[in-house]
Amino acid sequence: MDLPDALELIASLEGYLHDLRDTGVEGLPLGSVISPHKAAAPLAAAVRPSPAPPKPVVLEPSVVSVAADQGGGIKAVREELGDCRRCSLGATRTKLLFGAGNLAARLVFVGDAPGGEDEQQGIPFADEAGELLTKIIQAMGFRRDEIYLCNVIKCRPPHDRDPQHDEIRECYPFLLKQLQAIGPEVVVTLGTFASQTLLRTKEPISKLRGVFHDYHGMTIMPTFHPAYLLRNGAMKREVWADMQKVMKRLGVEAPVKR
């Protein structure tokens, strides 16, 4: 196997392992399906395995105890964040992505972190997963500019890796103030990291989704991330079921198809 094929195989395996994590699998049994007599040493030397993704972050109460925004609004939160260098991502990012959309939105979507296309265009959810999210938003009867989009952390992690504990710890207070300033009726958390961070739990997204949760006086609906849906199209039914509950809570009906 040459190096490009090996890298493609590793990327496929990483995606598969991420999918297992999102459905609640926390570990796999040790074992080997490759004979130790096979010549795997050159490949091992050429390709360094990616590190295991960090464990989900569960913030302590002392970290999440942030006073509500005192009327300064979203502009004051953004000014307080400033040209943030509170974690190492400040040295690697090209753009800080605070959020985008209606500052008085009834509905907010929160992801985990900006990706490469987001950073390039300067808006959250600008990639293929974002296009799918836009279709979901429209199917719910909203325009994208009627809702608000943001992420737990505001800077892109290198190579689009998962957010790390220190990055979430530094960004989280601003996310909370951001949501409090907007005051949405429902917050939809997309995927494992966003849902576990806001709900302060280690429960997998497969167990959290589909149920409303209280969050500082706001209502949270966790669901699968649209990037996960691109790899697992059958799960779109579950996400649409979650969004129908959100629509019922907001008192809106899906537009009639013509």
Foldseek 3Di string as FASTA:
>chain_A
DDDVVVVVVLVVVVLVVQLCLQQPDDDDDDDDPDDPPDPCVVVCVVDPHDDDADAADQDDPVLQPADADPPPFLVVLDVVCPLHPQDPLSVVFPDFQAKAADLQAQEEEEEAEADDQCSVVNHRLPDPLSVVVQVLQQQLVDHRRRYMYYYLAGGQDPPNGGDDHSRSSVRNNSVVNSCSSNVHQEYEYEAARRVCHQVSDSGRLSVQAPDWDDGPNHIYHYDYRSVSCVVVVVCVVVVSSRSVVVSVSVVGDGDDDD
